[in-house]
Amino acid sequence: MYTIATAAAAVGRNKTAILRAIKAGKISVEKDENGEWQIDPADLHRIYPPLRNASMRANDMHPQLHQSPLLTPV
């Protein structure tokens, strides 16, 4: 699950863009036991594609996704 900040980092957007998508009903969120919003990665990436590695070639059969240092397992 992503927080607002990690979701923004995962798709190369800012937190405001993610919050707007949530308020528009495009992305659903759940609150965890600490009251923080959690976003399902599948729901986020349905709207925003994940960042791609800049070195990825167009004919690469196994593209690698960019992993932001802000993304940590929850």
C-alpha atoms as a PDB file:
ATOM      1  CA  MET A   1       0.000   0.000   0.000  1.00  0.00           C
ATOM      2  CA  TYR A   2       1.113   3.555  -0.727  1.00  0.00           C
ATOM      3  CA  THR A   3       0.827   6.698   1.338  1.00  0.00           C
ATOM      4  CA  ILE A   4       0.027   9.925  -0.515  1.00  0.00           C
ATOM      5  CA  ALA A   5       3.749  10.774  -0.685  1.00  0.00           C
ATOM      6  CA  THR A   6       4.895   7.347  -1.883  1.00  0.00           C
ATOM      7  CA  ALA A   7       2.061   7.202  -4.424  1.00  0.00           C
ATOM      8  CA  ALA A   8       3.141  10.562  -5.826  1.00  0.00           C
ATOM      9  CA  ALA A   9       6.764   9.412  -6.028  1.00  0.00           C
ATOM     10  CA  ALA A  10       5.774   6.137  -7.712  1.00  0.00           C
ATOM     11  CA  VAL A  11       4.061   7.912 -10.596  1.00  0.00           C
ATOM     12  CA  GLY A  12       6.158  11.066 -10.860  1.00  0.00           C
ATOM     13  CA  ARG A  13       3.378  13.407  -9.723  1.00  0.00           C
ATOM     14  CA  ASN A  14       3.075  15.711  -6.750  1.00  0.00           C
ATOM     15  CA  LYS A  15       0.919  15.034  -3.701  1.00  0.00           C
ATOM     16  CA  THR A  16      -1.613  17.645  -4.803  1.00  0.00           C
ATOM     17  CA  ALA A  17      -2.312  15.741  -8.031  1.00  0.00           C
ATOM     18  CA  ILE A  18      -2.882  12.536  -6.065  1.00  0.00           C
ATOM     19  CA  LEU A  19      -5.195  14.318  -3.616  1.00  0.00           C
ATOM     20  CA  ARG A  20      -7.194  15.813  -6.507  1.00  0.00           C
ATOM     21  CA  ALA A  21      -7.646  12.348  -8.018  1.00  0.00           C
ATOM     22  CA  ILE A  22      -8.827  11.039  -4.632  1.00  0.00           C
ATOM     23  CA  LYS A  23     -11.306  13.905  -4.180  1.00  0.00           C
ATOM     24  CA  ALA A  24     -12.590  13.364  -7.740  1.00  0.00           C
ATOM     25  CA  GLY A  25     -13.242   9.707  -6.893  1.00  0.00           C
ATOM     26  CA  LYS A  26     -10.694   8.387  -9.403  1.00  0.00           C
ATOM     27  CA  ILE A  27      -8.576   6.719  -6.706  1.00  0.00           C
ATOM     28  CA  SER A  28     -10.015   5.087  -3.603  1.00  0.00           C
ATOM     29  CA  VAL A  29      -8.261   5.202  -0.251  1.00  0.00           C
ATOM     30  CA  GLU A  30      -8.509   3.421   3.072  1.00  0.00           C
ATOM     31  CA  LYS A  31      -7.391   4.670   6.457  1.00  0.00           C
ATOM     32  CA  ASP A  32      -4.943   2.578   8.453  1.00  0.00           C
ATOM     33  CA  GLU A  33      -4.913   2.158  12.234  1.00  0.00           C
ATOM     34  CA  ASN A  34      -3.021   5.474  12.548  1.00  0.00           C
ATOM     35  CA  GLY A  35      -5.605   7.357  10.499  1.00  0.00           C
ATOM     36  CA  GLU A  36      -3.275   7.731   7.491  1.00  0.00           C
ATOM     37  CA  TRP A  37      -4.599   7.223   3.997  1.00  0.00           C
ATOM     38  CA  GLN A  38      -3.427   4.092   2.198  1.00  0.00           C
ATOM     39  CA  ILE A  39      -3.706   3.691  -1.572  1.00  0.00           C
ATOM     40  CA  ASP A  40      -3.781   0.325  -3.297  1.00  0.00           C
ATOM     41  CA  PRO A  41      -1.012   0.302  -5.957  1.00  0.00           C
ATOM     42  CA  ALA A  42      -3.325  -1.395  -8.487  1.00  0.00           C
ATOM     43  CA  ASP A  43      -5.871   1.393  -8.057  1.00  0.00           C
ATOM     44  CA  LEU A  44      -3.208   4.101  -8.399  1.00  0.00           C
ATOM     45  CA  HIS A  45      -1.622   2.550 -11.493  1.00  0.00           C
ATOM     46  CA  ARG A  46      -5.015   2.150 -13.127  1.00  0.00           C
ATOM     47  CA  ILE A  47      -5.010   5.968 -13.391  1.00  0.00           C
ATOM     48  CA  TYR A  48      -1.290   6.812 -13.461  1.00  0.00           C
ATOM     49  CA  PRO A  49       1.337   4.525 -15.017  1.00  0.00           C
ATOM     50  CA  PRO A  50       4.389   3.738 -12.883  1.00  0.00           C
ATOM     51  CA  LEU A  51       7.628   5.532 -13.653  1.00  0.00           C
ATOM     52  CA  ARG A  52       9.828   3.755 -16.162  1.00  0.00           C
ATOM     53  CA  ASN A  53      13.595   3.526 -16.002  1.00  0.00           C
ATOM     54  CA  ALA A  54      15.113   6.119 -18.364  1.00  0.00           C
ATOM     55  CA  SER A  55      17.533   3.525 -19.719  1.00  0.00           C
ATOM     56  CA  MET A  56      14.763   1.173 -20.844  1.00  0.00           C
ATOM     57  CA  ARG A  57      14.952   0.301 -24.538  1.00  0.00           C
ATOM     58  CA  ALA A  58      11.833   0.259 -26.708  1.00  0.00           C
ATOM     59  CA  ASN A  59      12.400  -3.392 -27.659  1.00  0.00           C
ATOM     60  CA  ASP A  60      13.202  -4.590 -24.128  1.00  0.00           C
ATOM     61  CA  MET A  61      11.056  -7.654 -23.430  1.00  0.00           C
ATOM     62  CA  HIS A  62      11.380  -7.268 -19.639  1.00  0.00           C
ATOM     63  CA  PRO A  63      11.193  -3.561 -18.742  1.00  0.00           C
ATOM     64  CA  GLN A  64      12.377  -2.536 -15.291  1.00  0.00           C
ATOM     65  CA  LEU A  65      10.361  -0.109 -13.215  1.00  0.00           C
ATOM     66  CA  HIS A  66      12.046   2.767 -11.444  1.00  0.00           C
ATOM     67  CA  GLN A  67      12.020   2.264  -7.690  1.00  0.00           C
ATOM     68  CA  SER A  68      11.973   5.537  -5.808  1.00  0.00           C
ATOM     69  CA  PRO A  69      13.979   5.610  -2.573  1.00  0.00           C
ATOM     70  CA  LEU A  70      10.815   6.993  -0.939  1.00  0.00           C
ATOM     71  CA  LEU A  71       8.991   3.727  -1.565  1.00  0.00           C
ATOM     72  CA  THR A  72       9.264   1.403   1.359  1.00  0.00           C
ATOM     73  CA  PRO A  73       7.190  -1.680   2.112  1.00  0.00           C
ATOM     74  CA  VAL A  74       4.385  -1.095   4.575  1.00  0.00           C
END
